[in-house]
PDB file of N, CA and C in Angstrom:
ATOM      1  N   MET A   1       0.843  -1.293  -0.015  1.00  0.00           N
ATOM      2  CA  MET A   1      -0.005   0.081  -0.018  1.00  0.00           C
ATOM      3  C   MET A   1       0.836   1.210   0.000  1.00  0.00           C
ATOM      4  N   GLN A   2       1.967   1.217   0.608  1.00  0.00           N
ATOM      5  CA  GLN A   2       2.883   2.464   0.622  1.00  0.00           C
ATOM      6  C   GLN A   2       3.370   2.812  -0.755  1.00  0.00           C
ATOM      7  N   GLN A   3       3.587   1.883  -1.654  1.00  0.00           N
ATOM      8  CA  GLN A   3       3.984   2.222  -2.873  1.00  0.00           C
ATOM      9  C   GLN A   3       2.805   2.854  -3.692  1.00  0.00           C
ATOM     10  N   ALA A   4       1.564   2.565  -3.374  1.00  0.00           N
ATOM     11  CA  ALA A   4       0.423   3.159  -4.187  1.00  0.00           C
ATOM     12  C   ALA A   4       0.483   4.510  -3.539  1.00  0.00           C
ATOM     13  N   ASP A   5       0.493   4.871  -2.386  1.00  0.00           N
ATOM     14  CA  ASP A   5       0.381   6.095  -1.759  1.00  0.00           C
ATOM     15  C   ASP A   5       1.505   6.941  -2.318  1.00  0.00           C
ATOM     16  N   GLN A   6       2.823   6.299  -2.488  1.00  0.00           N
ATOM     17  CA  GLN A   6       3.947   7.159  -3.043  1.00  0.00           C
ATOM     18  C   GLN A   6       3.586   7.536  -4.586  1.00  0.00           C
ATOM     19  N   MET A   7       2.985   6.706  -5.205  1.00  0.00           N
ATOM     20  CA  MET A   7       2.486   6.960  -6.792  1.00  0.00           C
ATOM     21  C   MET A   7       1.446   7.949  -6.701  1.00  0.00           C
ATOM     22  N   GLU A   8       0.684   7.797  -5.882  1.00  0.00           N
ATOM     23  CA  GLU A   8      -0.556   8.871  -5.699  1.00  0.00           C
ATOM     24  C   GLU A   8       0.053  10.346  -5.629  1.00  0.00           C
ATOM     25  N   ALA A   9       1.047  10.432  -4.604  1.00  0.00           N
ATOM     26  CA  ALA A   9       1.763  11.619  -4.307  1.00  0.00           C
ATOM     27  C   ALA A   9       2.504  12.180  -5.454  1.00  0.00           C
ATOM     28  N   ILE A  10       3.242  11.350  -6.275  1.00  0.00           N
ATOM     29  CA  ILE A  10       4.136  11.657  -7.347  1.00  0.00           C
ATOM     30  C   ILE A  10       3.060  12.160  -8.418  1.00  0.00           C
ATOM     31  N   GLY A  11       1.719  11.583  -8.538  1.00  0.00           N
ATOM     32  CA  GLY A  11       0.784  11.932  -9.389  1.00  0.00           C
ATOM     33  C   GLY A  11       0.166  13.311  -9.210  1.00  0.00           C
ATOM     34  N   ARG A  12      -0.013  13.687  -8.085  1.00  0.00           N
ATOM     35  CA  ARG A  12      -0.492  14.883  -7.441  1.00  0.00           C
ATOM     36  C   ARG A  12       0.523  16.010  -7.681  1.00  0.00           C
ATOM     37  N   MET A  13       1.767  15.609  -7.445  1.00  0.00           N
ATOM     38  CA  MET A  13       2.907  16.593  -7.656  1.00  0.00           C
ATOM     39  C   MET A  13       3.047  16.989  -8.906  1.00  0.00           C
ATOM     40  N   THR A  14       2.999  15.872 -10.001  1.00  0.00           N
ATOM     41  CA  THR A  14       3.066  16.063 -11.559  1.00  0.00           C
ATOM     42  C   THR A  14       1.956  16.987 -11.908  1.00  0.00           C
ATOM     43  N   SER A  15       0.906  16.581 -11.507  1.00  0.00           N
ATOM     44  CA  SER A  15      -0.443  17.701 -11.890  1.00  0.00           C
ATOM     45  C   SER A  15      -0.128  19.055 -11.544  1.00  0.00           C
ATOM     46  N   ALA A  16       0.356  19.311 -10.373  1.00  0.00           N
ATOM     47  CA  ALA A  16       0.628  20.605  -9.952  1.00  0.00           C
ATOM     48  C   ALA A  16       1.697  21.305 -10.615  1.00  0.00           C
ATOM     49  N   VAL A  17       2.854  20.573 -10.941  1.00  0.00           N
ATOM     50  CA  VAL A  17       3.991  21.307 -11.773  1.00  0.00           C
ATOM     51  C   VAL A  17       3.470  21.532 -13.246  1.00  0.00           C
ATOM     52  N   ALA A  18       2.487  20.746 -13.735  1.00  0.00           N
ATOM     53  CA  ALA A  18       2.103  20.834 -15.143  1.00  0.00           C
ATOM     54  C   ALA A  18       1.213  21.937 -15.105  1.00  0.00           C
ATOM     55  N   HIS A  19       0.410  22.018 -14.081  1.00  0.00           N
ATOM     56  CA  HIS A  19      -0.590  23.348 -14.194  1.00  0.00           C
ATOM     57  C   HIS A  19       0.041  24.537 -13.971  1.00  0.00           C
ATOM     58  N   ASP A  20       1.090  24.583 -13.198  1.00  0.00           N
ATOM     59  CA  ASP A  20       1.924  25.971 -13.006  1.00  0.00           C
ATOM     60  C   ASP A  20       2.762  26.270 -14.313  1.00  0.00           C
ATOM     61  N   PHE A  21       3.259  25.068 -15.080  1.00  0.00           N
ATOM     62  CA  PHE A  21       4.059  25.240 -16.260  1.00  0.00           C
ATOM     63  C   PHE A  21       3.065  25.705 -17.295  1.00  0.00           C
ATOM     64  N   ASN A  22       1.959  25.109 -17.359  1.00  0.00           N
ATOM     65  CA  ASN A  22       1.131  25.619 -18.348  1.00  0.00           C
ATOM     66  C   ASN A  22       0.686  27.247 -18.111  1.00  0.00           C
ATOM     67  N   ASN A  23       0.467  27.660 -16.949  1.00  0.00           N
ATOM     68  CA  ASN A  23       0.076  28.876 -16.612  1.00  0.00           C
ATOM     69  C   ASN A  23       1.129  29.906 -17.121  1.00  0.00           C
ATOM     70  N   LEU A  24       2.392  29.516 -16.972  1.00  0.00           N
ATOM     71  CA  LEU A  24       3.719  30.320 -17.474  1.00  0.00           C
ATOM     72  C   LEU A  24       3.645  30.281 -19.291  1.00  0.00           C
ATOM     73  N   LEU A  25       3.277  29.057 -19.811  1.00  0.00           N
ATOM     74  CA  LEU A  25       3.264  29.077 -21.134  1.00  0.00           C
ATOM     75  C   LEU A  25       2.093  30.021 -21.736  1.00  0.00           C
ATOM     76  N   THR A  26       0.964  29.967 -21.172  1.00  0.00           N
ATOM     77  CA  THR A  26      -0.143  30.915 -21.505  1.00  0.00           C
ATOM     78  C   THR A  26       0.158  32.302 -21.515  1.00  0.00           C
ATOM     79  N   VAL A  27       1.102  32.772 -20.601  1.00  0.00           N
ATOM     80  CA  VAL A  27       1.573  34.187 -20.661  1.00  0.00           C
ATOM     81  C   VAL A  27       2.563  34.396 -21.624  1.00  0.00           C
ATOM     82  N   ILE A  28       3.451  33.364 -21.918  1.00  0.00           N
ATOM     83  CA  ILE A  28       4.315  33.684 -22.809  1.00  0.00           C
ATOM     84  C   ILE A  28       3.663  33.660 -24.312  1.00  0.00           C
ATOM     85  N   ARG A  29       2.832  32.866 -24.595  1.00  0.00           N
ATOM     86  CA  ARG A  29       2.173  32.844 -25.848  1.00  0.00           C
ATOM     87  C   ARG A  29       1.348  34.099 -25.981  1.00  0.00           C
ATOM     88  N   GLY A  30       0.725  34.476 -24.919  1.00  0.00           N
ATOM     89  CA  GLY A  30      -0.137  35.548 -24.922  1.00  0.00           C
ATOM     90  C   GLY A  30       0.713  37.140 -25.391  1.00  0.00           C
ATOM     91  N   PHE A  31       1.827  37.099 -24.856  1.00  0.00           N
ATOM     92  CA  PHE A  31       2.792  38.177 -25.081  1.00  0.00           C
ATOM     93  C   PHE A  31       3.301  38.093 -26.593  1.00  0.00           C
ATOM     94  N   SER A  32       3.618  36.727 -26.956  1.00  0.00           N
ATOM     95  CA  SER A  32       4.079  36.520 -28.184  1.00  0.00           C
ATOM     96  C   SER A  32       3.001  36.885 -29.333  1.00  0.00           C
ATOM     97  N   GLU A  33       1.782  36.547 -29.044  1.00  0.00           N
ATOM     98  CA  GLU A  33       0.866  36.924 -29.959  1.00  0.00           C
ATOM     99  C   GLU A  33       0.583  38.428 -29.997  1.00  0.00           C
ATOM    100  N   LEU A  34       0.646  38.935 -29.027  1.00  0.00           N
ATOM    101  CA  LEU A  34       0.635  40.640 -28.995  1.00  0.00           C
ATOM    102  C   LEU A  34       1.775  41.096 -29.780  1.00  0.00           C
ATOM    103  N   LEU A  35       3.031  40.439 -29.685  1.00  0.00           N
ATOM    104  CA  LEU A  35       4.227  40.995 -30.556  1.00  0.00           C
ATOM    105  C   LEU A  35       3.768  41.065 -32.093  1.00  0.00           C
ATOM    106  N   LEU A  36       3.078  39.953 -32.488  1.00  0.00           N
ATOM    107  CA  LEU A  36       2.820  39.581 -33.792  1.00  0.00           C
ATOM    108  C   LEU A  36       1.800  40.459 -34.298  1.00  0.00           C
ATOM    109  N   LEU A  37       0.818  40.826 -33.291  1.00  0.00           N
ATOM    110  CA  LEU A  37      -0.416  41.722 -33.702  1.00  0.00           C
ATOM    111  C   LEU A  37       0.318  43.234 -33.656  1.00  0.00           C
ATOM    112  N   ASP A  38       1.075  43.487 -32.905  1.00  0.00           N
ATOM    113  CA  ASP A  38       1.843  44.974 -32.829  1.00  0.00           C
ATOM    114  C   ASP A  38       2.665  45.238 -33.959  1.00  0.00           C
ATOM    115  N   GLY A  39       2.792  44.249 -34.938  1.00  0.00           N
ATOM    116  CA  GLY A  39       3.753  44.424 -35.913  1.00  0.00           C
ATOM    117  C   GLY A  39       5.189  44.101 -35.842  1.00  0.00           C
ATOM    118  N   ALA A  40       5.440  42.645 -35.488  1.00  0.00           N
ATOM    119  CA  ALA A  40       6.715  42.648 -35.339  1.00  0.00           C
ATOM    120  C   ALA A  40       7.254  42.752 -36.604  1.00  0.00           C
ATOM    121  N   THR A  41       8.687  43.036 -36.535  1.00  0.00           N
ATOM    122  CA  THR A  41       9.571  43.299 -37.790  1.00  0.00           C
ATOM    123  C   THR A  41       9.597  42.014 -38.639  1.00  0.00           C
ATOM    124  N   GLU A  42       9.877  42.268 -39.952  1.00  0.00           N
ATOM    125  CA  GLU A  42      10.095  41.087 -40.719  1.00  0.00           C
ATOM    126  C   GLU A  42      11.245  40.261 -40.095  1.00  0.00           C
ATOM    127  N   ARG A  43      12.305  40.943 -39.726  1.00  0.00           N
ATOM    128  CA  ARG A  43      13.233  40.050 -39.068  1.00  0.00           C
ATOM    129  C   ARG A  43      13.080  39.307 -37.833  1.00  0.00           C
ATOM    130  N   GLY A  44      12.116  39.921 -37.023  1.00  0.00           N
ATOM    131  CA  GLY A  44      11.717  39.562 -35.709  1.00  0.00           C
ATOM    132  C   GLY A  44      10.552  38.438 -35.834  1.00  0.00           C
ATOM    133  N   ARG A  45       9.688  38.581 -36.761  1.00  0.00           N
ATOM    134  CA  ARG A  45       8.425  37.601 -36.924  1.00  0.00           C
ATOM    135  C   ARG A  45       8.840  36.122 -36.682  1.00  0.00           C
ATOM    136  N   PRO A  46       9.847  35.671 -37.496  1.00  0.00           N
ATOM    137  CA  PRO A  46      10.058  34.269 -37.533  1.00  0.00           C
ATOM    138  C   PRO A  46      10.484  33.819 -36.023  1.00  0.00           C
ATOM    139  N   LYS A  47      11.225  34.687 -35.322  1.00  0.00           N
ATOM    140  CA  LYS A  47      11.517  34.359 -34.013  1.00  0.00           C
ATOM    141  C   LYS A  47      10.505  34.157 -33.149  1.00  0.00           C
ATOM    142  N   VAL A  48       9.460  35.278 -33.325  1.00  0.00           N
ATOM    143  CA  VAL A  48       8.288  35.118 -32.388  1.00  0.00           C
ATOM    144  C   VAL A  48       7.466  33.767 -32.737  1.00  0.00           C
ATOM    145  N   GLU A  49       7.541  33.536 -34.010  1.00  0.00           N
ATOM    146  CA  GLU A  49       6.609  32.324 -34.265  1.00  0.00           C
ATOM    147  C   GLU A  49       7.464  31.115 -33.849  1.00  0.00           C
ATOM    148  N   GLN A  50       8.671  31.069 -33.808  1.00  0.00           N
ATOM    149  CA  GLN A  50       9.403  30.083 -33.159  1.00  0.00           C
ATOM    150  C   GLN A  50       9.025  29.826 -31.710  1.00  0.00           C
ATOM    151  N   ILE A  51       8.968  31.063 -30.968  1.00  0.00           N
ATOM    152  CA  ILE A  51       8.495  31.101 -29.536  1.00  0.00           C
ATOM    153  C   ILE A  51       7.262  30.524 -29.501  1.00  0.00           C
ATOM    154  N   ILE A  52       6.157  30.735 -30.292  1.00  0.00           N
ATOM    155  CA  ILE A  52       4.835  30.189 -30.214  1.00  0.00           C
ATOM    156  C   ILE A  52       4.906  28.693 -30.542  1.00  0.00           C
ATOM    157  N   ALA A  53       5.725  28.170 -31.518  1.00  0.00           N
ATOM    158  CA  ALA A  53       6.015  26.852 -31.720  1.00  0.00           C
ATOM    159  C   ALA A  53       6.371  26.089 -30.462  1.00  0.00           C
ATOM    160  N   ALA A  54       7.487  26.694 -29.780  1.00  0.00           N
ATOM    161  CA  ALA A  54       8.002  26.019 -28.742  1.00  0.00           C
ATOM    162  C   ALA A  54       6.870  25.841 -27.551  1.00  0.00           C
ATOM    163  N   VAL A  55       6.109  27.003 -27.259  1.00  0.00           N
ATOM    164  CA  VAL A  55       4.920  27.093 -26.123  1.00  0.00           C
ATOM    165  C   VAL A  55       4.006  25.911 -26.606  1.00  0.00           C
ATOM    166  N   ASP A  56       3.691  25.610 -27.908  1.00  0.00           N
ATOM    167  CA  ASP A  56       2.781  24.572 -28.319  1.00  0.00           C
ATOM    168  C   ASP A  56       3.334  23.347 -28.043  1.00  0.00           C
ATOM    169  N   ARG A  57       4.671  23.036 -28.093  1.00  0.00           N
ATOM    170  CA  ARG A  57       5.339  21.775 -27.821  1.00  0.00           C
ATOM    171  C   ARG A  57       5.276  21.682 -26.199  1.00  0.00           C
ATOM    172  N   GLY A  58       5.526  22.657 -25.460  1.00  0.00           N
ATOM    173  CA  GLY A  58       5.480  22.637 -24.009  1.00  0.00           C
ATOM    174  C   GLY A  58       4.250  22.451 -23.494  1.00  0.00           C
ATOM    175  N   SER A  59       3.088  22.752 -24.190  1.00  0.00           N
ATOM    176  CA  SER A  59       1.745  22.649 -23.852  1.00  0.00           C
ATOM    177  C   SER A  59       1.344  21.187 -23.881  1.00  0.00           C
ATOM    178  N   ALA A  60       1.947  20.520 -24.937  1.00  0.00           N
ATOM    179  CA  ALA A  60       1.779  19.005 -25.386  1.00  0.00           C
ATOM    180  C   ALA A  60       2.415  18.424 -24.029  1.00  0.00           C
ATOM    181  N   LEU A  61       3.537  18.805 -23.771  1.00  0.00           N
ATOM    182  CA  LEU A  61       4.106  18.206 -22.550  1.00  0.00           C
ATOM    183  C   LEU A  61       3.475  18.324 -21.354  1.00  0.00           C
ATOM    184  N   ALA A  62       2.776  19.426 -21.156  1.00  0.00           N
ATOM    185  CA  ALA A  62       1.908  19.619 -19.817  1.00  0.00           C
ATOM    186  C   ALA A  62       0.653  18.827 -19.995  1.00  0.00           C
ATOM    187  N   ARG A  63       0.253  18.598 -21.184  1.00  0.00           N
ATOM    188  CA  ARG A  63      -1.057  17.739 -21.124  1.00  0.00           C
ATOM    189  C   ARG A  63      -0.735  16.215 -20.926  1.00  0.00           C
ATOM    190  N   GLN A  64       0.497  15.742 -21.413  1.00  0.00           N
ATOM    191  CA  GLN A  64       0.985  14.489 -21.075  1.00  0.00           C
ATOM    192  C   GLN A  64       1.163  14.268 -19.346  1.00  0.00           C
ATOM    193  N   MET A  65       1.777  15.349 -18.783  1.00  0.00           N
ATOM    194  CA  MET A  65       2.050  15.248 -17.359  1.00  0.00           C
ATOM    195  C   MET A  65       0.668  15.372 -16.642  1.00  0.00           C
ATOM    196  N   LEU A  66      -0.333  16.012 -17.089  1.00  0.00           N
ATOM    197  CA  LEU A  66      -1.693  16.063 -16.429  1.00  0.00           C
ATOM    198  C   LEU A  66      -2.286  14.745 -16.548  1.00  0.00           C
ATOM    199  N   ALA A  67      -1.943  14.096 -17.691  1.00  0.00           N
ATOM    200  CA  ALA A  67      -2.495  12.636 -17.962  1.00  0.00           C
ATOM    201  C   ALA A  67      -2.029  11.672 -17.059  1.00  0.00           C
ATOM    202  N   PHE A  68      -0.684  11.842 -16.868  1.00  0.00           N
ATOM    203  CA  PHE A  68       0.141  10.882 -15.973  1.00  0.00           C
ATOM    204  C   PHE A  68      -0.513  11.300 -14.553  1.00  0.00           C
ATOM    205  N   GLY A  69      -0.558  12.308 -14.121  1.00  0.00           N
ATOM    206  CA  GLY A  69      -1.241  12.679 -12.796  1.00  0.00           C
ATOM    207  C   GLY A  69      -2.678  12.204 -12.698  1.00  0.00           C
ATOM    208  N   ALA A  70      -3.074  11.904 -13.691  1.00  0.00           N
ATOM    209  CA  ALA A  70      -4.594  11.496 -13.438  1.00  0.00           C
ATOM    210  C   ALA A  70      -4.877   9.947 -13.415  1.00  0.00           C
ATOM    211  N   LEU A  71      -3.615   9.134 -13.655  1.00  0.00           N
ATOM    212  CA  LEU A  71      -3.698   7.820 -13.744  1.00  0.00           C
ATOM    213  C   LEU A  71      -4.028   7.331 -12.293  1.00  0.00           C
ATOM    214  N   PRO A  72      -4.951   6.228 -12.280  1.00  0.00           N
ATOM    215  CA  PRO A  72      -5.285   5.826 -11.006  1.00  0.00           C
ATOM    216  C   PRO A  72      -3.954   4.846 -10.455  1.00  0.00           C
ATOM    217  N   ALA A  73      -3.713   5.189  -9.167  1.00  0.00           N
ATOM    218  CA  ALA A  73      -2.629   4.434  -8.477  1.00  0.00           C
ATOM    219  C   ALA A  73      -3.111   2.924  -8.395  1.00  0.00           C
ATOM    220  N   ALA A  74      -2.044   2.143  -8.595  1.00  0.00           N
ATOM    221  CA  ALA A  74      -2.275   0.735  -8.375  1.00  0.00           C
ATOM    222  C   ALA A  74      -2.619   0.359  -6.850  1.00  0.00           C
ATOM    223  N   ARG A  75      -3.459  -0.390  -6.728  1.00  0.00           N
ATOM    224  CA  ARG A  75      -3.746  -0.765  -5.213  1.00  0.00           C
ATOM    225  C   ARG A  75      -3.378  -2.388  -5.031  1.00  0.00           C
ATOM    226  N   SER A  76      -2.655  -2.513  -3.965  1.00  0.00           N
ATOM    227  CA  SER A  76      -2.254  -3.807  -3.684  1.00  0.00           C
ATOM    228  C   SER A  76      -3.293  -4.354  -2.526  1.00  0.00           C
ATOM    229  N   ARG A  77      -3.510  -5.702  -2.545  1.00  0.00           N
ATOM    230  CA  ARG A  77      -4.337  -6.310  -1.639  1.00  0.00           C
ATOM    231  C   ARG A  77      -3.730  -7.656  -1.202  1.00  0.00           C
ATOM    232  N   THR A  78      -4.298  -8.111  -0.081  1.00  0.00           N
ATOM    233  CA  THR A  78      -3.805  -9.518   0.437  1.00  0.00           C
ATOM    234  C   THR A  78      -4.866 -10.342  -0.177  1.00  0.00           C
ATOM    235  N   VAL A  79      -4.225 -11.519  -0.763  1.00  0.00           N
ATOM    236  CA  VAL A  79      -5.144 -12.615  -1.447  1.00  0.00           C
ATOM    237  C   VAL A  79      -4.899 -13.963  -0.848  1.00  0.00           C
ATOM    238  N   ASP A  80      -6.051 -14.508  -0.423  1.00  0.00           N
ATOM    239  CA  ASP A  80      -5.931 -15.911   0.301  1.00  0.00           C
ATOM    240  C   ASP A  80      -5.758 -16.896  -0.788  1.00  0.00           C
ATOM    241  N   THR A  81      -4.600 -17.420  -1.030  1.00  0.00           N
ATOM    242  CA  THR A  81      -4.413 -18.582  -1.998  1.00  0.00           C
ATOM    243  C   THR A  81      -5.133 -19.646  -1.795  1.00  0.00           C
ATOM    244  N   MET A  82      -5.666 -19.961  -0.494  1.00  0.00           N
ATOM    245  CA  MET A  82      -6.263 -21.230  -0.251  1.00  0.00           C
ATOM    246  C   MET A  82      -7.736 -21.024  -0.401  1.00  0.00           C
ATOM    247  N   SER A  83      -8.289 -19.820  -0.569  1.00  0.00           N
ATOM    248  CA  SER A  83      -9.809 -19.579  -0.769  1.00  0.00           C
ATOM    249  C   SER A  83     -10.219 -20.334  -2.063  1.00  0.00           C
ATOM    250  N   PRO A  84     -11.391 -20.905  -1.939  1.00  0.00           N
ATOM    251  CA  PRO A  84     -12.135 -21.455  -3.078  1.00  0.00           C
ATOM    252  C   PRO A  84     -12.464 -20.479  -4.159  1.00  0.00           C
ATOM    253  N   GLU A  85     -12.552 -19.109  -3.711  1.00  0.00           N
ATOM    254  CA  GLU A  85     -12.806 -18.234  -4.867  1.00  0.00           C
ATOM    255  C   GLU A  85     -11.857 -17.794  -5.754  1.00  0.00           C
ATOM    256  N   PRO A  86     -12.050 -17.507  -6.980  1.00  0.00           N
ATOM    257  CA  PRO A  86     -10.873 -17.163  -7.901  1.00  0.00           C
ATOM    258  C   PRO A  86     -10.174 -15.895  -7.422  1.00  0.00           C
ATOM    259  N   ALA A  87      -8.996 -15.887  -7.316  1.00  0.00           N
ATOM    260  CA  ALA A  87      -8.167 -14.788  -6.818  1.00  0.00           C
ATOM    261  C   ALA A  87      -7.932 -13.835  -7.614  1.00  0.00           C
ATOM    262  N   THR A  88      -7.835 -14.066  -9.123  1.00  0.00           N
ATOM    263  CA  THR A  88      -7.662 -13.183 -10.248  1.00  0.00           C
ATOM    264  C   THR A  88      -8.947 -12.803 -10.807  1.00  0.00           C
ATOM    265  N   ARG A  89      -9.006 -11.714 -11.219  1.00  0.00           N
ATOM    266  CA  ARG A  89     -10.168 -10.992 -11.913  1.00  0.00           C
ATOM    267  C   ARG A  89      -9.619 -10.174 -12.943  1.00  0.00           C
ATOM    268  N   LEU A  90     -10.180  -9.970 -14.216  1.00  0.00           N
ATOM    269  CA  LEU A  90      -9.774  -9.063 -15.100  1.00  0.00           C
ATOM    270  C   LEU A  90     -10.460  -7.787 -14.810  1.00  0.00           C
ATOM    271  N   VAL A  91      -9.486  -6.893 -14.622  1.00  0.00           N
ATOM    272  CA  VAL A  91      -9.897  -5.321 -14.262  1.00  0.00           C
ATOM    273  C   VAL A  91      -9.601  -4.573 -15.584  1.00  0.00           C
ATOM    274  N   VAL A  92     -10.712  -3.922 -16.152  1.00  0.00           N
ATOM    275  CA  VAL A  92     -10.609  -3.124 -17.298  1.00  0.00           C
ATOM    276  C   VAL A  92     -10.782  -1.450 -16.767  1.00  0.00           C
TER     277      VAL A  92
END
């Protein structure tokens, strides 16, 4: 059971980090889009577009981290091997 608790704590921490990371990316993307709207120079425009592409990759990573944090922790239990009931059941 201790390992399940540790995995649950890791999942919560991962979700919190992903959430904070996504908040930072939102600010970076917002200011980058403002730069594009305010007329980024021809020389600067590709660089701002690269920033936005990097933000998109970071957002995908944050989504993966959130998905990991949402996974249910494995639960262990004691099984009586001498019991007449089937000890294994398919869990989907």
